[in-house]
Amino acid sequence: MEKKSIKEIVSTVLKALTLAMGVAVVVLSCLDMLEANTAVTLLGIGLACAGISMLEK
């Protein structure tokens, strides 16, 4: 098994978190279990993770 550097792992985690936040907002919104304020917060977290991931390169 190939060893990955910490930087690669962090980048992967940030990308996965970005995707997870987007999916969570869509699913919770479809189930009518999400308020607008919470949705904006979750999407903001996802966007911040995406930005950090892009800045690393």
N, C-alpha and C. Protein backbone atom coordinates (compact mmCIF):
# COMPACT_ATOMS: atom_id res chain seq x y z
N MET A 1 0.83 -1.18 0.00
CA MET A 1 0.00 0.00 0.00
C MET A 1 0.88 1.24 0.00
N GLU A 2 0.51 2.18 -0.84
CA GLU A 2 1.29 3.40 -0.99
C GLU A 2 0.97 4.36 0.16
N LYS A 3 2.02 4.95 0.75
CA LYS A 3 1.81 5.94 1.80
C LYS A 3 1.49 7.28 1.16
N LYS A 4 0.50 7.96 1.73
CA LYS A 4 0.13 9.27 1.23
C LYS A 4 0.58 10.32 2.24
N SER A 5 0.92 11.46 1.71
CA SER A 5 1.36 12.53 2.59
C SER A 5 0.15 13.15 3.30
N ILE A 6 0.43 13.84 4.36
CA ILE A 6 -0.62 14.50 5.12
C ILE A 6 -1.37 15.51 4.24
N LYS A 7 -0.64 16.19 3.37
CA LYS A 7 -1.24 17.19 2.50
C LYS A 7 -2.28 16.56 1.57
N GLU A 8 -1.96 15.39 1.02
CA GLU A 8 -2.90 14.70 0.14
C GLU A 8 -4.14 14.24 0.90
N ILE A 9 -3.95 13.77 2.13
CA ILE A 9 -5.07 13.31 2.94
C ILE A 9 -5.98 14.48 3.29
N VAL A 10 -5.40 15.59 3.71
CA VAL A 10 -6.20 16.76 4.06
C VAL A 10 -6.97 17.26 2.85
N SER A 11 -6.33 17.26 1.69
CA SER A 11 -7.00 17.70 0.47
C SER A 11 -8.19 16.80 0.15
N THR A 12 -8.03 15.52 0.30
CA THR A 12 -9.11 14.56 0.04
C THR A 12 -10.25 14.75 1.03
N VAL A 13 -9.91 14.96 2.29
CA VAL A 13 -10.94 15.16 3.32
C VAL A 13 -11.73 16.45 3.04
N LEU A 14 -11.04 17.51 2.66
CA LEU A 14 -11.73 18.77 2.37
C LEU A 14 -12.67 18.62 1.18
N LYS A 15 -12.24 17.90 0.15
CA LYS A 15 -13.11 17.68 -1.01
C LYS A 15 -14.31 16.83 -0.64
N ALA A 16 -14.10 15.81 0.18
CA ALA A 16 -15.20 14.95 0.61
C ALA A 16 -16.19 15.73 1.47
N LEU A 17 -15.68 16.60 2.32
CA LEU A 17 -16.55 17.41 3.17
C LEU A 17 -17.38 18.38 2.34
N THR A 18 -16.77 18.93 1.30
CA THR A 18 -17.50 19.82 0.39
C THR A 18 -18.67 19.08 -0.25
N LEU A 19 -18.41 17.90 -0.75
CA LEU A 19 -19.46 17.09 -1.37
C LEU A 19 -20.53 16.70 -0.36
N ALA A 20 -20.11 16.30 0.83
CA ALA A 20 -21.05 15.87 1.86
C ALA A 20 -22.00 17.00 2.27
N MET A 21 -21.48 18.20 2.40
CA MET A 21 -22.33 19.33 2.79
C MET A 21 -23.37 19.62 1.70
N GLY A 22 -22.96 19.57 0.45
CA GLY A 22 -23.91 19.79 -0.64
C GLY A 22 -24.99 18.75 -0.69
N VAL A 23 -24.61 17.49 -0.54
CA VAL A 23 -25.58 16.40 -0.56
C VAL A 23 -26.52 16.50 0.64
N ALA A 24 -25.97 16.82 1.79
CA ALA A 24 -26.80 16.94 3.00
C ALA A 24 -27.86 18.02 2.84
N VAL A 25 -27.49 19.16 2.27
CA VAL A 25 -28.45 20.23 2.07
C VAL A 25 -29.54 19.80 1.10
N VAL A 26 -29.19 19.14 0.02
CA VAL A 26 -30.20 18.70 -0.95
C VAL A 26 -31.15 17.68 -0.33
N VAL A 27 -30.60 16.69 0.36
CA VAL A 27 -31.44 15.64 0.94
C VAL A 27 -32.34 16.21 2.03
N LEU A 28 -31.79 16.98 2.95
CA LEU A 28 -32.60 17.54 4.02
C LEU A 28 -33.64 18.52 3.49
N SER A 29 -33.31 19.22 2.44
CA SER A 29 -34.27 20.14 1.84
C SER A 29 -35.42 19.37 1.19
N CYS A 30 -35.11 18.28 0.53
CA CYS A 30 -36.16 17.45 -0.09
C CYS A 30 -37.09 16.85 0.97
N LEU A 31 -36.56 16.57 2.13
CA LEU A 31 -37.35 15.99 3.21
C LEU A 31 -38.05 17.06 4.06
N ASP A 32 -37.90 18.31 3.68
CA ASP A 32 -38.47 19.44 4.44
C ASP A 32 -38.03 19.44 5.90
N MET A 33 -36.79 19.12 6.15
CA MET A 33 -36.24 19.08 7.50
C MET A 33 -35.18 20.15 7.73
N LEU A 34 -35.12 21.14 6.84
CA LEU A 34 -34.02 22.09 6.88
C LEU A 34 -34.55 23.51 6.78
N GLU A 35 -34.08 24.35 7.70
CA GLU A 35 -34.42 25.77 7.63
C GLU A 35 -33.40 26.47 6.74
N ALA A 36 -33.80 27.60 6.21
CA ALA A 36 -32.94 28.34 5.28
C ALA A 36 -31.63 28.77 5.95
N ASN A 37 -31.70 29.20 7.20
CA ASN A 37 -30.50 29.63 7.91
C ASN A 37 -29.50 28.50 8.06
N THR A 38 -29.98 27.31 8.38
CA THR A 38 -29.12 26.15 8.53
C THR A 38 -28.52 25.74 7.19
N ALA A 39 -29.32 25.81 6.13
CA ALA A 39 -28.85 25.45 4.80
C ALA A 39 -27.70 26.37 4.36
N VAL A 40 -27.85 27.65 4.61
CA VAL A 40 -26.80 28.60 4.24
C VAL A 40 -25.53 28.32 5.03
N THR A 41 -25.67 27.99 6.30
CA THR A 41 -24.51 27.66 7.12
C THR A 41 -23.78 26.43 6.58
N LEU A 42 -24.54 25.37 6.27
CA LEU A 42 -23.93 24.15 5.75
C LEU A 42 -23.24 24.39 4.40
N LEU A 43 -23.90 25.14 3.54
CA LEU A 43 -23.29 25.43 2.24
C LEU A 43 -22.06 26.33 2.40
N GLY A 44 -22.09 27.21 3.38
CA GLY A 44 -20.92 28.05 3.65
C GLY A 44 -19.73 27.23 4.12
N ILE A 45 -19.98 26.25 4.96
CA ILE A 45 -18.90 25.36 5.40
C ILE A 45 -18.33 24.60 4.21
N GLY A 46 -19.21 24.09 3.36
CA GLY A 46 -18.76 23.37 2.17
C GLY A 46 -17.96 24.25 1.23
N LEU A 47 -18.41 25.47 1.05
CA LEU A 47 -17.70 26.41 0.18
C LEU A 47 -16.33 26.77 0.75
N ALA A 48 -16.25 26.94 2.04
CA ALA A 48 -14.97 27.24 2.69
C ALA A 48 -13.99 26.09 2.51
N CYS A 49 -14.48 24.87 2.64
CA CYS A 49 -13.62 23.70 2.44
C CYS A 49 -13.14 23.60 1.00
N ALA A 50 -14.02 23.90 0.06
CA ALA A 50 -13.62 23.89 -1.35
C ALA A 50 -12.56 24.94 -1.62
N GLY A 51 -12.75 26.12 -1.04
CA GLY A 51 -11.77 27.19 -1.23
C GLY A 51 -10.41 26.84 -0.65
N ILE A 52 -10.41 26.27 0.53
CA ILE A 52 -9.14 25.84 1.15
C ILE A 52 -8.45 24.79 0.30
N SER A 53 -9.24 23.87 -0.20
CA SER A 53 -8.68 22.80 -1.05
C SER A 53 -8.05 23.37 -2.32
N MET A 54 -8.70 24.37 -2.90
CA MET A 54 -8.16 24.97 -4.13
C MET A 54 -6.92 25.82 -3.84
N LEU A 55 -6.89 26.45 -2.69
CA LEU A 55 -5.74 27.30 -2.35
C LEU A 55 -4.48 26.50 -2.05
N GLU A 56 -4.64 25.25 -1.66
CA GLU A 56 -3.48 24.40 -1.35
C GLU A 56 -2.61 24.17 -2.58
N LYS A 57 -3.22 24.17 -3.73
CA LYS A 57 -2.47 23.89 -4.96
C LYS A 57 -1.85 25.15 -5.43
